[in-house]
Amino acid sequence: MTERDLWTTLYHLKDIHRTGWLDRGIPAAEAESVADHCFFVMLIAWTAAQSDTSLDANKVLQLAMIHDTAEAIAGDLPPYDPEDIPTDPDAMRTFFSVRLQRSPENAARKRALEETAAAHLLTLVRDTATTHWQNLWHEYEAQISAEARFVKEVDRLEVFIQSRIYAGRFPNAPVDGFSDMARQTITHPLLVPIRDAFLEEMG
């Protein structure tokens, strides 16, 4: 492996469109990439964490930076099987109108693919950074710290904000399920006002 391998692998994050947007009819030219998503998660997470003295803002930033890196290899895996998406527009809107959660089989498949991808990425990281990278990955995936749980909520918040941006640009896009998700899963006092500001625009 060479120095080039890690960075050319991670560069794929810029090329991978977020599957959920493509499946909801967002044109590929407009669809958010995984890198786009990660960058905005980092901005929100680090900025918001400054206001909570119980959080280590530096760790929050590092967890946000690393949280989706395995997708450079594993791809962006949706919480549903693509063949389950209805082809009828009305049925599709109904399908995407609620929060979609992974089945045990879907979750296991995602976990296995991303664990394999993360293990491969670790073989490309410099030895001096390998242990730290591995610890961050495990901390986020296991949700064993307040910082990891905070970043998970920010991850969902970013998706919700992006859904509202797309709702303005593509009024027929079936993105309402992300509002359902945001109401159910975003509870941190620093993030709720951000969520509610976007919910209020919906009327």
N, C-alpha and C. Protein backbone atom coordinates (compact mmCIF):
# COMPACT_ATOMS: atom_id res chain seq x y z
N MET A 1 0.83 -1.19 0.00
CA MET A 1 0.00 0.00 0.00
C MET A 1 0.87 1.25 0.00
N THR A 2 0.40 2.28 -0.63
CA THR A 2 1.16 3.53 -0.70
C THR A 2 0.36 4.67 -0.06
N GLU A 3 1.03 5.80 0.12
CA GLU A 3 0.35 6.98 0.63
C GLU A 3 -0.86 7.34 -0.24
N ARG A 4 -0.75 7.05 -1.51
CA ARG A 4 -1.80 7.43 -2.45
C ARG A 4 -3.09 6.63 -2.23
N ASP A 5 -2.96 5.39 -1.74
CA ASP A 5 -4.10 4.49 -1.67
C ASP A 5 -5.21 4.99 -0.73
N LEU A 6 -4.83 5.48 0.44
CA LEU A 6 -5.83 5.95 1.39
C LEU A 6 -6.62 7.11 0.79
N TRP A 7 -5.92 8.05 0.21
CA TRP A 7 -6.60 9.27 -0.24
C TRP A 7 -7.40 9.06 -1.51
N THR A 8 -6.92 8.18 -2.39
CA THR A 8 -7.73 7.89 -3.58
C THR A 8 -8.98 7.09 -3.19
N THR A 9 -8.86 6.27 -2.14
CA THR A 9 -10.02 5.52 -1.66
C THR A 9 -11.04 6.47 -1.03
N LEU A 10 -10.58 7.33 -0.14
CA LEU A 10 -11.49 8.26 0.52
C LEU A 10 -12.07 9.28 -0.45
N TYR A 11 -11.35 9.55 -1.52
CA TYR A 11 -11.86 10.49 -2.53
C TYR A 11 -13.20 10.02 -3.09
N HIS A 12 -13.44 8.70 -3.07
CA HIS A 12 -14.71 8.18 -3.59
C HIS A 12 -15.91 8.74 -2.83
N LEU A 13 -15.70 9.22 -1.61
CA LEU A 13 -16.80 9.82 -0.87
C LEU A 13 -17.40 11.00 -1.63
N LYS A 14 -16.58 11.65 -2.45
CA LYS A 14 -17.06 12.79 -3.24
C LYS A 14 -17.87 12.33 -4.45
N ASP A 15 -17.66 11.07 -4.86
CA ASP A 15 -18.31 10.54 -6.05
C ASP A 15 -19.61 9.80 -5.76
N ILE A 16 -19.80 9.40 -4.50
CA ILE A 16 -20.96 8.56 -4.15
C ILE A 16 -22.14 9.45 -3.76
N HIS A 17 -23.18 9.43 -4.57
CA HIS A 17 -24.39 10.17 -4.24
C HIS A 17 -25.15 9.43 -3.14
N ARG A 18 -25.78 10.19 -2.27
CA ARG A 18 -26.57 9.59 -1.20
C ARG A 18 -27.79 8.88 -1.81
N THR A 19 -27.88 7.59 -1.56
CA THR A 19 -28.86 6.74 -2.23
C THR A 19 -30.29 7.20 -2.00
N GLY A 20 -30.60 7.63 -0.78
CA GLY A 20 -31.96 8.02 -0.47
C GLY A 20 -32.49 9.15 -1.33
N TRP A 21 -31.60 10.06 -1.72
CA TRP A 21 -32.05 11.17 -2.56
C TRP A 21 -32.30 10.69 -3.99
N LEU A 22 -31.43 9.85 -4.50
CA LEU A 22 -31.64 9.32 -5.85
C LEU A 22 -32.94 8.53 -5.91
N ASP A 23 -33.19 7.71 -4.88
CA ASP A 23 -34.40 6.89 -4.87
C ASP A 23 -35.67 7.74 -4.77
N ARG A 24 -35.54 8.95 -4.26
CA ARG A 24 -36.69 9.85 -4.15
C ARG A 24 -36.81 10.79 -5.35
N GLY A 25 -36.01 10.54 -6.37
CA GLY A 25 -36.15 11.28 -7.61
C GLY A 25 -35.32 12.55 -7.71
N ILE A 26 -34.41 12.78 -6.76
CA ILE A 26 -33.54 13.94 -6.88
C ILE A 26 -32.54 13.68 -8.01
N PRO A 27 -32.40 14.59 -8.98
CA PRO A 27 -31.47 14.36 -10.09
C PRO A 27 -30.05 14.15 -9.58
N ALA A 28 -29.31 13.27 -10.22
CA ALA A 28 -27.94 12.97 -9.79
C ALA A 28 -27.08 14.23 -9.72
N ALA A 29 -27.31 15.15 -10.66
CA ALA A 29 -26.51 16.38 -10.67
C ALA A 29 -26.76 17.24 -9.44
N GLU A 30 -27.91 17.05 -8.79
CA GLU A 30 -28.28 17.84 -7.61
C GLU A 30 -28.11 17.05 -6.31
N ALA A 31 -27.93 15.75 -6.42
CA ALA A 31 -27.94 14.88 -5.24
C ALA A 31 -26.67 15.07 -4.41
N GLU A 32 -26.88 15.17 -3.11
CA GLU A 32 -25.80 15.31 -2.15
C GLU A 32 -24.87 14.09 -2.22
N SER A 33 -23.57 14.31 -2.15
CA SER A 33 -22.62 13.21 -2.05
C SER A 33 -22.40 12.86 -0.58
N VAL A 34 -21.78 11.71 -0.34
CA VAL A 34 -21.44 11.34 1.04
C VAL A 34 -20.47 12.37 1.62
N ALA A 35 -19.54 12.86 0.81
CA ALA A 35 -18.60 13.88 1.29
C ALA A 35 -19.32 15.17 1.66
N ASP A 36 -20.30 15.57 0.86
CA ASP A 36 -21.12 16.75 1.18
C ASP A 36 -21.77 16.58 2.55
N HIS A 37 -22.37 15.42 2.74
CA HIS A 37 -23.05 15.11 3.99
C HIS A 37 -22.08 15.17 5.17
N CYS A 38 -20.93 14.52 5.03
CA CYS A 38 -19.95 14.48 6.12
C CYS A 38 -19.48 15.88 6.50
N PHE A 39 -19.24 16.71 5.50
CA PHE A 39 -18.74 18.05 5.77
C PHE A 39 -19.77 18.86 6.56
N PHE A 40 -21.04 18.77 6.17
CA PHE A 40 -22.06 19.55 6.87
C PHE A 40 -22.31 19.00 8.27
N VAL A 41 -22.22 17.67 8.44
CA VAL A 41 -22.31 17.08 9.78
C VAL A 41 -21.19 17.63 10.66
N MET A 42 -19.99 17.70 10.12
CA MET A 42 -18.87 18.25 10.90
C MET A 42 -19.13 19.69 11.31
N LEU A 43 -19.61 20.51 10.38
CA LEU A 43 -19.87 21.91 10.69
C LEU A 43 -20.91 22.06 11.80
N ILE A 44 -22.02 21.34 11.66
CA ILE A 44 -23.08 21.44 12.66
C ILE A 44 -22.60 20.91 14.00
N ALA A 45 -21.99 19.73 13.98
CA ALA A 45 -21.61 19.07 15.22
C ALA A 45 -20.59 19.88 16.01
N TRP A 46 -19.54 20.32 15.35
CA TRP A 46 -18.49 21.06 16.06
C TRP A 46 -19.01 22.41 16.55
N THR A 47 -19.77 23.11 15.71
CA THR A 47 -20.30 24.42 16.10
C THR A 47 -21.25 24.29 17.29
N ALA A 48 -22.18 23.35 17.22
CA ALA A 48 -23.14 23.19 18.30
C ALA A 48 -22.47 22.72 19.59
N ALA A 49 -21.48 21.86 19.46
CA ALA A 49 -20.81 21.31 20.65
C ALA A 49 -20.09 22.37 21.47
N GLN A 50 -19.77 23.49 20.87
CA GLN A 50 -19.11 24.56 21.60
C GLN A 50 -19.98 25.08 22.75
N SER A 51 -21.29 24.90 22.64
CA SER A 51 -22.22 25.42 23.63
C SER A 51 -22.57 24.41 24.72
N ASP A 52 -21.97 23.23 24.69
CA ASP A 52 -22.23 22.21 25.71
C ASP A 52 -20.92 21.82 26.36
N THR A 53 -20.69 22.30 27.57
CA THR A 53 -19.42 22.06 28.24
C THR A 53 -19.23 20.59 28.63
N SER A 54 -20.31 19.81 28.58
CA SER A 54 -20.18 18.39 28.90
C SER A 54 -19.64 17.58 27.73
N LEU A 55 -19.58 18.20 26.55
CA LEU A 55 -19.07 17.52 25.36
C LEU A 55 -17.64 17.95 25.06
N ASP A 56 -16.84 17.01 24.60
CA ASP A 56 -15.50 17.30 24.10
C ASP A 56 -15.66 17.66 22.62
N ALA A 57 -15.62 18.96 22.32
CA ALA A 57 -15.89 19.42 20.95
C ALA A 57 -14.87 18.87 19.96
N ASN A 58 -13.63 18.68 20.39
CA ASN A 58 -12.60 18.15 19.50
C ASN A 58 -12.92 16.70 19.14
N LYS A 59 -13.36 15.92 20.13
CA LYS A 59 -13.73 14.53 19.84
C LYS A 59 -14.98 14.49 18.95
N VAL A 60 -15.93 15.38 19.21
CA VAL A 60 -17.13 15.47 18.37
C VAL A 60 -16.73 15.68 16.91
N LEU A 61 -15.81 16.60 16.68
CA LEU A 61 -15.36 16.89 15.32
C LEU A 61 -14.72 15.65 14.69
N GLN A 62 -13.88 14.96 15.44
CA GLN A 62 -13.20 13.78 14.90
C GLN A 62 -14.19 12.65 14.60
N LEU A 63 -15.15 12.45 15.49
CA LEU A 63 -16.17 11.42 15.24
C LEU A 63 -17.02 11.76 14.02
N ALA A 64 -17.37 13.03 13.88
CA ALA A 64 -18.15 13.46 12.72
C ALA A 64 -17.36 13.26 11.43
N MET A 65 -16.06 13.52 11.51
CA MET A 65 -15.21 13.39 10.33
C MET A 65 -15.13 11.94 9.86
N ILE A 66 -15.13 11.03 10.80
CA ILE A 66 -14.86 9.63 10.46
C ILE A 66 -16.12 8.79 10.30
N HIS A 67 -17.29 9.33 10.67
CA HIS A 67 -18.46 8.47 10.86
C HIS A 67 -18.93 7.74 9.61
N ASP A 68 -18.73 8.28 8.44
CA ASP A 68 -19.19 7.62 7.21
C ASP A 68 -18.05 7.24 6.27
N THR A 69 -16.82 7.22 6.77
CA THR A 69 -15.69 6.96 5.87
C THR A 69 -15.76 5.57 5.24
N ALA A 70 -16.34 4.59 5.94
CA ALA A 70 -16.42 3.24 5.38
C ALA A 70 -17.24 3.21 4.10
N GLU A 71 -18.10 4.20 3.92
CA GLU A 71 -18.94 4.23 2.72
C GLU A 71 -18.13 4.48 1.45
N ALA A 72 -16.89 4.91 1.59
CA ALA A 72 -16.02 5.05 0.42
C ALA A 72 -15.83 3.71 -0.27
N ILE A 73 -15.95 2.63 0.50
CA ILE A 73 -15.81 1.28 -0.03
C ILE A 73 -17.15 0.56 -0.06
N ALA A 74 -17.90 0.65 1.03
CA ALA A 74 -19.16 -0.10 1.15
C ALA A 74 -20.32 0.54 0.39
N GLY A 75 -20.21 1.84 0.09
CA GLY A 75 -21.30 2.55 -0.55
C GLY A 75 -22.33 3.01 0.48
N ASP A 76 -23.32 3.77 0.03
CA ASP A 76 -24.36 4.30 0.91
C ASP A 76 -25.55 3.36 0.85
N LEU A 77 -25.76 2.62 1.93
CA LEU A 77 -26.77 1.56 1.94
C LEU A 77 -28.05 2.06 2.60
N PRO A 78 -29.16 2.10 1.87
CA PRO A 78 -30.42 2.63 2.43
C PRO A 78 -31.04 1.65 3.42
N PRO A 79 -31.97 2.14 4.26
CA PRO A 79 -32.60 1.27 5.26
C PRO A 79 -33.78 0.47 4.71
N TYR A 80 -33.80 0.24 3.43
CA TYR A 80 -34.86 -0.51 2.77
C TYR A 80 -34.24 -1.23 1.59
N ASP A 81 -34.94 -2.21 1.07
CA ASP A 81 -34.48 -2.92 -0.12
C ASP A 81 -34.99 -2.16 -1.35
N PRO A 82 -34.10 -1.82 -2.27
CA PRO A 82 -34.51 -1.03 -3.45
C PRO A 82 -35.70 -1.63 -4.20
N GLU A 83 -35.79 -2.95 -4.22
CA GLU A 83 -36.90 -3.57 -4.95
C GLU A 83 -38.25 -3.36 -4.27
N ASP A 84 -38.23 -2.88 -3.03
CA ASP A 84 -39.48 -2.63 -2.31
C ASP A 84 -40.08 -1.26 -2.64
N ILE A 85 -39.34 -0.41 -3.34
CA ILE A 85 -39.84 0.92 -3.67
C ILE A 85 -40.92 0.81 -4.75
N PRO A 86 -42.13 1.29 -4.48
CA PRO A 86 -43.19 1.21 -5.49
C PRO A 86 -42.84 2.06 -6.72
N THR A 87 -43.32 1.64 -7.86
CA THR A 87 -43.10 2.41 -9.09
C THR A 87 -44.20 3.45 -9.30
N ASP A 88 -45.37 3.21 -8.74
CA ASP A 88 -46.46 4.18 -8.84
C ASP A 88 -46.11 5.41 -7.99
N PRO A 89 -46.21 6.62 -8.56
CA PRO A 89 -45.82 7.83 -7.82
C PRO A 89 -46.55 8.02 -6.50
N ASP A 90 -47.85 7.76 -6.47
CA ASP A 90 -48.61 7.93 -5.23
C ASP A 90 -48.19 6.90 -4.18
N ALA A 91 -47.99 5.69 -4.63
CA ALA A 91 -47.55 4.63 -3.71
C ALA A 91 -46.13 4.91 -3.22
N MET A 92 -45.29 5.45 -4.08
CA MET A 92 -43.94 5.80 -3.68
C MET A 92 -43.96 6.89 -2.61
N ARG A 93 -44.83 7.90 -2.80
CA ARG A 93 -44.93 8.97 -1.82
C ARG A 93 -45.38 8.42 -0.47
N THR A 94 -46.32 7.51 -0.48
CA THR A 94 -46.78 6.88 0.76
C THR A 94 -45.64 6.09 1.41
N PHE A 95 -44.89 5.36 0.59
CA PHE A 95 -43.77 4.54 1.09
C PHE A 95 -42.74 5.40 1.81
N PHE A 96 -42.46 6.58 1.23
CA PHE A 96 -41.43 7.45 1.80
C PHE A 96 -42.00 8.51 2.76
N SER A 97 -43.28 8.39 3.14
CA SER A 97 -43.89 9.42 3.97
C SER A 97 -43.62 9.24 5.46
N VAL A 98 -43.06 8.10 5.84
CA VAL A 98 -42.77 7.83 7.24
C VAL A 98 -41.30 7.46 7.39
N ARG A 99 -40.86 7.49 8.62
CA ARG A 99 -39.48 7.10 8.90
C ARG A 99 -39.29 5.63 8.54
N LEU A 100 -38.28 5.34 7.73
CA LEU A 100 -37.98 3.97 7.34
C LEU A 100 -36.84 3.46 8.21
N GLN A 101 -37.05 2.32 8.84
CA GLN A 101 -36.05 1.75 9.73
C GLN A 101 -35.55 0.41 9.17
N ARG A 102 -34.31 0.10 9.47
CA ARG A 102 -33.71 -1.11 8.94
C ARG A 102 -34.30 -2.37 9.58
N SER A 103 -34.50 -3.37 8.75
CA SER A 103 -34.84 -4.68 9.29
C SER A 103 -33.58 -5.27 9.91
N PRO A 104 -33.70 -6.28 10.76
CA PRO A 104 -32.49 -6.92 11.31
C PRO A 104 -31.55 -7.42 10.23
N GLU A 105 -32.12 -7.94 9.14
CA GLU A 105 -31.28 -8.46 8.06
C GLU A 105 -30.55 -7.33 7.35
N ASN A 106 -31.25 -6.22 7.10
CA ASN A 106 -30.64 -5.06 6.45
C ASN A 106 -29.54 -4.49 7.33
N ALA A 107 -29.82 -4.38 8.63
CA ALA A 107 -28.83 -3.83 9.56
C ALA A 107 -27.60 -4.71 9.63
N ALA A 108 -27.80 -6.03 9.64
CA ALA A 108 -26.67 -6.96 9.71
C ALA A 108 -25.82 -6.88 8.44
N ARG A 109 -26.49 -6.76 7.31
CA ARG A 109 -25.75 -6.65 6.04
C ARG A 109 -24.93 -5.37 5.99
N LYS A 110 -25.54 -4.26 6.41
CA LYS A 110 -24.82 -2.98 6.45
C LYS A 110 -23.63 -3.05 7.40
N ARG A 111 -23.85 -3.61 8.58
CA ARG A 111 -22.78 -3.69 9.58
C ARG A 111 -21.61 -4.52 9.05
N ALA A 112 -21.92 -5.64 8.43
CA ALA A 112 -20.86 -6.52 7.92
C ALA A 112 -20.06 -5.84 6.81
N LEU A 113 -20.76 -5.20 5.88
CA LEU A 113 -20.07 -4.53 4.78
C LEU A 113 -19.21 -3.37 5.29
N GLU A 114 -19.73 -2.60 6.23
CA GLU A 114 -18.98 -1.44 6.72
C GLU A 114 -17.84 -1.85 7.63
N GLU A 115 -18.00 -2.93 8.38
CA GLU A 115 -16.89 -3.41 9.21
C GLU A 115 -15.74 -3.89 8.34
N THR A 116 -16.07 -4.58 7.26
CA THR A 116 -15.04 -5.03 6.32
C THR A 116 -14.36 -3.84 5.67
N ALA A 117 -15.15 -2.85 5.27
CA ALA A 117 -14.60 -1.65 4.65
C ALA A 117 -13.71 -0.88 5.62
N ALA A 118 -14.17 -0.73 6.86
CA ALA A 118 -13.38 -0.02 7.86
C ALA A 118 -12.06 -0.74 8.13
N ALA A 119 -12.11 -2.06 8.19
CA ALA A 119 -10.89 -2.83 8.42
C ALA A 119 -9.89 -2.61 7.28
N HIS A 120 -10.41 -2.54 6.06
CA HIS A 120 -9.52 -2.29 4.93
C HIS A 120 -8.93 -0.88 4.99
N LEU A 121 -9.75 0.09 5.33
CA LEU A 121 -9.24 1.46 5.45
C LEU A 121 -8.12 1.53 6.47
N LEU A 122 -8.25 0.79 7.56
CA LEU A 122 -7.22 0.82 8.60
C LEU A 122 -5.88 0.30 8.10
N THR A 123 -5.92 -0.58 7.10
CA THR A 123 -4.65 -1.07 6.54
C THR A 123 -3.95 0.02 5.72
N LEU A 124 -4.69 1.08 5.36
CA LEU A 124 -4.13 2.14 4.54
C LEU A 124 -3.66 3.33 5.37
N VAL A 125 -4.09 3.38 6.63
CA VAL A 125 -3.77 4.52 7.49
C VAL A 125 -2.36 4.35 8.06
N ARG A 126 -1.64 5.45 8.20
CA ARG A 126 -0.31 5.40 8.81
C ARG A 126 -0.39 4.75 10.19
N ASP A 127 0.65 3.99 10.56
CA ASP A 127 0.66 3.29 11.83
C ASP A 127 0.41 4.22 13.02
N THR A 128 0.90 5.43 12.95
CA THR A 128 0.76 6.36 14.06
C THR A 128 -0.70 6.79 14.28
N ALA A 129 -1.54 6.64 13.27
CA ALA A 129 -2.93 7.05 13.37
C ALA A 129 -3.90 5.88 13.46
N THR A 130 -3.42 4.66 13.23
CA THR A 130 -4.31 3.50 13.12
C THR A 130 -5.13 3.28 14.38
N THR A 131 -4.48 3.28 15.53
CA THR A 131 -5.20 3.00 16.78
C THR A 131 -6.25 4.06 17.06
N HIS A 132 -5.91 5.32 16.84
CA HIS A 132 -6.85 6.40 17.09
C HIS A 132 -8.05 6.29 16.15
N TRP A 133 -7.79 6.04 14.88
CA TRP A 133 -8.85 5.87 13.88
C TRP A 133 -9.77 4.72 14.29
N GLN A 134 -9.17 3.59 14.66
CA GLN A 134 -9.93 2.41 15.05
C GLN A 134 -10.79 2.68 16.28
N ASN A 135 -10.22 3.39 17.26
CA ASN A 135 -10.97 3.70 18.47
C ASN A 135 -12.16 4.62 18.18
N LEU A 136 -11.95 5.60 17.32
CA LEU A 136 -13.04 6.50 16.95
C LEU A 136 -14.15 5.74 16.23
N TRP A 137 -13.76 4.87 15.32
CA TRP A 137 -14.75 4.09 14.57
C TRP A 137 -15.58 3.24 15.52
N HIS A 138 -14.91 2.55 16.44
CA HIS A 138 -15.63 1.69 17.39
C HIS A 138 -16.53 2.53 18.30
N GLU A 139 -16.03 3.66 18.76
CA GLU A 139 -16.81 4.51 19.66
C GLU A 139 -18.09 4.99 18.99
N TYR A 140 -17.99 5.36 17.73
CA TYR A 140 -19.18 5.84 17.02
C TYR A 140 -20.14 4.70 16.75
N GLU A 141 -19.65 3.59 16.22
CA GLU A 141 -20.52 2.48 15.86
C GLU A 141 -21.22 1.90 17.09
N ALA A 142 -20.51 1.84 18.22
CA ALA A 142 -21.09 1.28 19.44
C ALA A 142 -21.89 2.31 20.23
N GLN A 143 -21.78 3.59 19.84
CA GLN A 143 -22.52 4.67 20.53
C GLN A 143 -22.25 4.64 22.04
N ILE A 144 -20.96 4.55 22.40
CA ILE A 144 -20.60 4.35 23.80
C ILE A 144 -20.24 5.65 24.52
N SER A 145 -20.35 6.77 23.87
CA SER A 145 -20.03 8.04 24.54
C SER A 145 -21.09 9.08 24.20
N ALA A 146 -21.14 10.10 25.04
CA ALA A 146 -22.07 11.21 24.78
C ALA A 146 -21.73 11.88 23.45
N GLU A 147 -20.44 11.97 23.13
CA GLU A 147 -20.03 12.59 21.87
C GLU A 147 -20.51 11.78 20.67
N ALA A 148 -20.41 10.46 20.76
CA ALA A 148 -20.86 9.60 19.65
C ALA A 148 -22.37 9.72 19.45
N ARG A 149 -23.10 9.75 20.55
CA ARG A 149 -24.56 9.87 20.45
C ARG A 149 -24.96 11.24 19.92
N PHE A 150 -24.20 12.27 20.27
CA PHE A 150 -24.46 13.61 19.76
C PHE A 150 -24.25 13.65 18.25
N VAL A 151 -23.16 13.06 17.79
CA VAL A 151 -22.88 13.05 16.34
C VAL A 151 -23.95 12.25 15.59
N LYS A 152 -24.44 11.18 16.20
CA LYS A 152 -25.52 10.41 15.55
C LYS A 152 -26.76 11.28 15.36
N GLU A 153 -27.08 12.08 16.36
CA GLU A 153 -28.24 12.98 16.22
C GLU A 153 -27.97 14.04 15.16
N VAL A 154 -26.75 14.56 15.12
CA VAL A 154 -26.42 15.55 14.10
C VAL A 154 -26.50 14.91 12.71
N ASP A 155 -26.07 13.68 12.60
CA ASP A 155 -26.17 12.95 11.33
C ASP A 155 -27.62 12.95 10.84
N ARG A 156 -28.54 12.70 11.74
CA ARG A 156 -29.97 12.70 11.37
C ARG A 156 -30.47 14.12 11.09
N LEU A 157 -29.98 15.07 11.87
CA LEU A 157 -30.38 16.46 11.66
C LEU A 157 -29.95 16.94 10.28
N GLU A 158 -28.74 16.59 9.88
CA GLU A 158 -28.26 17.02 8.56
C GLU A 158 -29.15 16.46 7.46
N VAL A 159 -29.54 15.20 7.59
CA VAL A 159 -30.42 14.59 6.59
C VAL A 159 -31.75 15.34 6.53
N PHE A 160 -32.29 15.66 7.70
CA PHE A 160 -33.55 16.39 7.75
C PHE A 160 -33.43 17.76 7.09
N ILE A 161 -32.36 18.50 7.42
CA ILE A 161 -32.17 19.82 6.81
C ILE A 161 -32.06 19.69 5.30
N GLN A 162 -31.30 18.70 4.83
CA GLN A 162 -31.17 18.51 3.39
C GLN A 162 -32.52 18.19 2.76
N SER A 163 -33.34 17.42 3.47
CA SER A 163 -34.67 17.09 2.94
C SER A 163 -35.52 18.34 2.75
N ARG A 164 -35.38 19.32 3.68
CA ARG A 164 -36.16 20.55 3.56
C ARG A 164 -35.63 21.42 2.41
N ILE A 165 -34.33 21.39 2.20
CA ILE A 165 -33.76 22.11 1.05
C ILE A 165 -34.31 21.52 -0.25
N TYR A 166 -34.31 20.20 -0.33
CA TYR A 166 -34.84 19.55 -1.53
C TYR A 166 -36.34 19.77 -1.69
N ALA A 167 -37.07 19.82 -0.58
CA ALA A 167 -38.52 20.06 -0.67
C ALA A 167 -38.80 21.40 -1.32
N GLY A 168 -37.93 22.39 -1.07
CA GLY A 168 -38.10 23.69 -1.70
C GLY A 168 -37.75 23.67 -3.18
N ARG A 169 -36.74 22.89 -3.54
CA ARG A 169 -36.31 22.84 -4.94
C ARG A 169 -37.14 21.89 -5.78
N PHE A 170 -37.58 20.80 -5.16
CA PHE A 170 -38.32 19.76 -5.88
C PHE A 170 -39.58 19.45 -5.09
N PRO A 171 -40.63 20.26 -5.24
CA PRO A 171 -41.84 20.13 -4.41
C PRO A 171 -42.50 18.76 -4.47
N ASN A 172 -42.29 18.03 -5.53
CA ASN A 172 -42.92 16.71 -5.65
C ASN A 172 -42.07 15.58 -5.08
N ALA A 173 -40.88 15.88 -4.62
CA ALA A 173 -40.01 14.84 -4.06
C ALA A 173 -40.61 14.31 -2.75
N PRO A 174 -40.71 13.00 -2.58
CA PRO A 174 -41.33 12.43 -1.38
C PRO A 174 -40.34 12.37 -0.21
N VAL A 175 -40.15 13.50 0.46
CA VAL A 175 -39.14 13.58 1.52
C VAL A 175 -39.74 13.74 2.91
N ASP A 176 -41.05 13.63 3.05
CA ASP A 176 -41.69 13.90 4.34
C ASP A 176 -41.27 12.92 5.43
N GLY A 177 -40.85 11.74 5.06
CA GLY A 177 -40.44 10.77 6.06
C GLY A 177 -39.29 11.25 6.93
N PHE A 178 -38.47 12.15 6.38
CA PHE A 178 -37.35 12.66 7.18
C PHE A 178 -37.82 13.61 8.27
N SER A 179 -38.95 14.26 8.06
CA SER A 179 -39.53 15.08 9.11
C SER A 179 -40.02 14.19 10.25
N ASP A 180 -40.62 13.09 9.90
CA ASP A 180 -41.06 12.10 10.88
C ASP A 180 -39.85 11.60 11.69
N MET A 181 -38.78 11.28 10.98
CA MET A 181 -37.55 10.82 11.63
C MET A 181 -36.99 11.87 12.58
N ALA A 182 -36.98 13.13 12.14
CA ALA A 182 -36.43 14.21 12.96
C ALA A 182 -37.22 14.40 14.24
N ARG A 183 -38.53 14.32 14.13
CA ARG A 183 -39.38 14.48 15.32
C ARG A 183 -39.13 13.36 16.33
N GLN A 184 -38.89 12.16 15.83
CA GLN A 184 -38.74 11.00 16.70
C GLN A 184 -37.36 10.88 17.34
N THR A 185 -36.32 11.31 16.64
CA THR A 185 -34.97 10.92 17.06
C THR A 185 -34.06 12.06 17.49
N ILE A 186 -34.44 13.31 17.24
CA ILE A 186 -33.58 14.43 17.63
C ILE A 186 -34.09 14.99 18.95
N THR A 187 -33.28 14.82 20.00
CA THR A 187 -33.71 15.20 21.35
C THR A 187 -32.72 16.08 22.09
N HIS A 188 -31.50 16.22 21.57
CA HIS A 188 -30.50 17.01 22.29
C HIS A 188 -30.94 18.48 22.34
N PRO A 189 -30.86 19.11 23.52
CA PRO A 189 -31.34 20.50 23.66
C PRO A 189 -30.71 21.49 22.70
N LEU A 190 -29.49 21.22 22.25
CA LEU A 190 -28.85 22.14 21.30
C LEU A 190 -29.34 21.93 19.87
N LEU A 191 -29.86 20.75 19.60
CA LEU A 191 -30.26 20.42 18.22
C LEU A 191 -31.75 20.59 17.98
N VAL A 192 -32.55 20.45 19.03
CA VAL A 192 -34.00 20.59 18.87
C VAL A 192 -34.39 21.95 18.29
N PRO A 193 -33.81 23.08 18.76
CA PRO A 193 -34.20 24.37 18.16
C PRO A 193 -33.87 24.47 16.67
N ILE A 194 -32.77 23.85 16.26
CA ILE A 194 -32.42 23.86 14.84
C ILE A 194 -33.47 23.07 14.07
N ARG A 195 -33.79 21.89 14.58
CA ARG A 195 -34.83 21.07 13.95
C ARG A 195 -36.15 21.83 13.86
N ASP A 196 -36.54 22.44 14.98
CA ASP A 196 -37.85 23.10 15.04
C ASP A 196 -37.92 24.31 14.11
N ALA A 197 -36.78 24.97 13.90
CA ALA A 197 -36.79 26.12 12.99
C ALA A 197 -37.16 25.67 11.58
N PHE A 198 -36.70 24.49 11.19
CA PHE A 198 -37.04 23.98 9.86
C PHE A 198 -38.43 23.39 9.84
N LEU A 199 -38.87 22.79 10.95
CA LEU A 199 -40.24 22.28 11.01
C LEU A 199 -41.27 23.40 10.92
N GLU A 200 -40.95 24.53 11.53
CA GLU A 200 -41.88 25.66 11.52
C GLU A 200 -42.14 26.16 10.12
N GLU A 201 -41.15 26.06 9.25
CA GLU A 201 -41.31 26.51 7.87
C GLU A 201 -42.33 25.66 7.12
N MET A 202 -42.55 24.44 7.65
CA MET A 202 -43.47 23.54 6.98
C MET A 202 -44.92 23.89 7.29
N GLY A 203 -45.13 24.71 8.34
CA GLY A 203 -46.49 25.09 8.70
C GLY A 203 -47.19 24.05 9.53
